[in-house]
Amino acid sequence: MMRALTVRRGAVLAAFVTFGALLSAPPAYAGTPGGGGHRAPALCGRLPQLEARIDRALARLDGDASVKGSIARIRERATVAEGNGHPQVAAYLEGVLATRRHLAPELRQRKADLALVKAWCAARPVGTTT
């Protein structure tokens, strides 16, 4: 019994040491000059589609009560459900509303990040992989 416990402790200790070494090691891509690698041209080529997708999502979220999926429409639906005596539906819609409210700032941040990627792509020579 004592031997098994010692072996088990040794295995756990080895696992922690290995895990710690993995966490403290620098990333494999840290030394890549310029970054990006072979996927950079594909990323730079997809920027217009990514921008359009984020813009569509923000337009939908920021739309008025007539726009399906907008924050205003969900708020209105929750109010109507509460007024009609459907508290479970109203509670569900309030949850959806909270999710959408958190999504809008995140999409704005992604749009700002995408602008940085766009600048990075513009600074790279066309067709390079480094």
Protein backbone atom coordinates (compact mmCIF):
# COMPACT_ATOMS: atom_id res chain seq x y z
CA MET A 1 0.00 0.00 0.00
CA MET A 2 2.79 2.40 0.91
CA ARG A 3 4.67 1.63 -2.31
CA ALA A 4 1.57 2.38 -4.44
CA LEU A 5 1.05 5.68 -2.62
CA THR A 6 4.66 6.72 -3.23
CA VAL A 7 4.43 5.82 -6.93
CA ARG A 8 1.18 7.75 -7.22
CA ARG A 9 2.72 10.81 -5.53
CA GLY A 10 5.67 10.60 -7.89
CA ALA A 11 3.39 10.44 -10.91
CA VAL A 12 1.37 13.44 -9.72
CA LEU A 13 4.55 15.39 -9.04
CA ALA A 14 5.90 14.55 -12.51
CA ALA A 15 2.63 15.65 -14.08
CA PHE A 16 2.76 19.01 -12.27
CA VAL A 17 6.39 19.57 -13.27
CA THR A 18 5.60 18.77 -16.91
CA PHE A 19 2.55 21.02 -16.88
CA GLY A 20 4.55 23.85 -15.31
CA ALA A 21 7.27 23.48 -17.93
CA LEU A 22 4.68 23.69 -20.69
CA LEU A 23 3.16 26.83 -19.21
CA SER A 24 6.49 28.58 -18.74
CA ALA A 25 7.85 27.76 -22.22
CA PRO A 26 7.71 30.53 -24.82
CA PRO A 27 5.23 30.01 -27.66
CA ALA A 28 6.56 28.24 -30.72
CA TYR A 29 5.75 31.18 -32.99
CA ALA A 30 7.58 33.75 -30.81
CA GLY A 31 10.67 33.79 -33.01
CA THR A 32 8.85 34.05 -36.34
CA PRO A 33 9.91 37.31 -38.01
CA GLY A 34 6.87 39.29 -39.06
CA GLY A 35 4.48 36.59 -37.89
CA GLY A 36 1.57 35.27 -39.86
CA GLY A 37 3.21 32.43 -41.69
CA HIS A 38 1.56 30.68 -44.60
CA ARG A 39 -1.97 31.62 -43.53
CA ALA A 40 -1.46 35.39 -43.70
CA PRO A 41 -2.57 35.81 -47.34
CA ALA A 42 -5.79 33.92 -46.61
CA LEU A 43 -6.51 36.06 -43.56
CA CYS A 44 -5.81 39.27 -45.43
CA GLY A 45 -8.04 38.10 -48.27
CA ARG A 46 -10.95 37.44 -45.89
CA LEU A 47 -10.88 40.87 -44.25
CA PRO A 48 -13.66 42.40 -46.40
CA GLN A 49 -16.01 39.50 -45.61
CA LEU A 50 -15.20 39.68 -41.89
CA GLU A 51 -15.79 43.44 -41.82
CA ALA A 52 -19.11 43.06 -43.63
CA ARG A 53 -20.23 40.33 -41.25
CA ILE A 54 -19.43 42.42 -38.16
CA ASP A 55 -21.11 45.49 -39.69
CA ARG A 56 -24.28 43.50 -40.46
CA ALA A 57 -24.40 42.13 -36.92
CA LEU A 58 -23.92 45.58 -35.38
CA ALA A 59 -26.58 47.07 -37.66
CA ARG A 60 -28.98 44.35 -36.57
CA LEU A 61 -28.25 44.79 -32.86
CA ASP A 62 -28.42 48.59 -33.00
CA GLY A 63 -31.58 48.65 -35.10
CA ASP A 64 -34.94 49.94 -33.92
CA ALA A 65 -37.90 47.82 -32.79
CA SER A 66 -38.79 46.91 -36.37
CA VAL A 67 -35.47 45.10 -36.97
CA LYS A 68 -35.53 41.39 -36.14
CA GLY A 69 -32.88 40.50 -33.57
CA SER A 70 -32.31 44.07 -32.43
CA ILE A 71 -31.91 44.94 -28.78
CA ALA A 72 -34.87 47.33 -29.00
CA ARG A 73 -37.13 44.65 -30.47
CA ILE A 74 -36.25 42.08 -27.80
CA ARG A 75 -36.76 44.69 -25.08
CA GLU A 76 -40.20 45.46 -26.55
CA ARG A 77 -41.11 41.75 -26.78
CA ALA A 78 -40.10 41.21 -23.15
CA THR A 79 -42.26 44.14 -22.07
CA VAL A 80 -45.24 42.83 -24.06
CA ALA A 81 -44.80 39.31 -22.66
CA GLU A 82 -44.70 40.66 -19.11
CA GLY A 83 -47.80 42.77 -19.77
CA ASN A 84 -49.69 39.78 -21.18
CA GLY A 85 -48.99 37.70 -18.09
CA HIS A 86 -46.22 35.49 -19.45
CA PRO A 87 -43.43 35.89 -16.88
CA GLN A 88 -41.51 32.82 -18.08
CA VAL A 89 -41.34 34.14 -21.64
CA ALA A 90 -40.38 37.58 -20.34
CA ALA A 91 -37.60 36.05 -18.21
CA TYR A 92 -36.30 34.12 -21.22
CA LEU A 93 -36.33 37.26 -23.36
CA GLU A 94 -34.53 39.20 -20.62
CA GLY A 95 -31.78 36.57 -20.78
CA VAL A 96 -31.59 36.95 -24.56
CA LEU A 97 -31.51 40.72 -24.09
CA ALA A 98 -28.60 40.48 -21.64
CA THR A 99 -26.66 38.32 -24.09
CA ARG A 100 -27.26 40.76 -26.94
CA ARG A 101 -26.24 43.71 -24.77
CA HIS A 102 -22.93 41.99 -24.02
CA LEU A 103 -22.46 41.06 -27.67
CA ALA A 104 -22.60 44.61 -29.03
CA PRO A 105 -19.48 45.93 -27.21
CA GLU A 106 -17.59 42.75 -28.05
CA LEU A 107 -18.39 43.18 -31.74
CA ARG A 108 -17.21 46.80 -31.57
CA GLN A 109 -13.96 45.60 -30.03
CA ARG A 110 -13.57 42.97 -32.74
CA LYS A 111 -14.14 45.66 -35.36
CA ALA A 112 -11.35 47.74 -33.80
CA ASP A 113 -9.08 44.68 -33.71
CA LEU A 114 -9.89 43.98 -37.33
CA ALA A 115 -8.78 47.51 -38.21
CA LEU A 116 -5.38 46.68 -36.69
CA VAL A 117 -5.21 43.48 -38.73
CA LYS A 118 -6.13 45.45 -41.84
CA ALA A 119 -3.25 47.85 -41.18
CA TRP A 120 -0.92 44.88 -40.64
CA CYS A 121 -2.01 43.35 -43.94
CA ALA A 122 -1.53 46.67 -45.74
CA ALA A 123 2.04 46.89 -44.43
CA ARG A 124 2.93 43.44 -45.79
CA PRO A 125 4.16 42.91 -49.34
CA VAL A 126 1.51 41.13 -51.41
CA GLY A 127 1.88 37.36 -51.48
CA THR A 128 4.51 37.11 -48.72
CA THR A 129 4.36 34.44 -46.07
CA THR A 130 6.54 36.01 -43.38
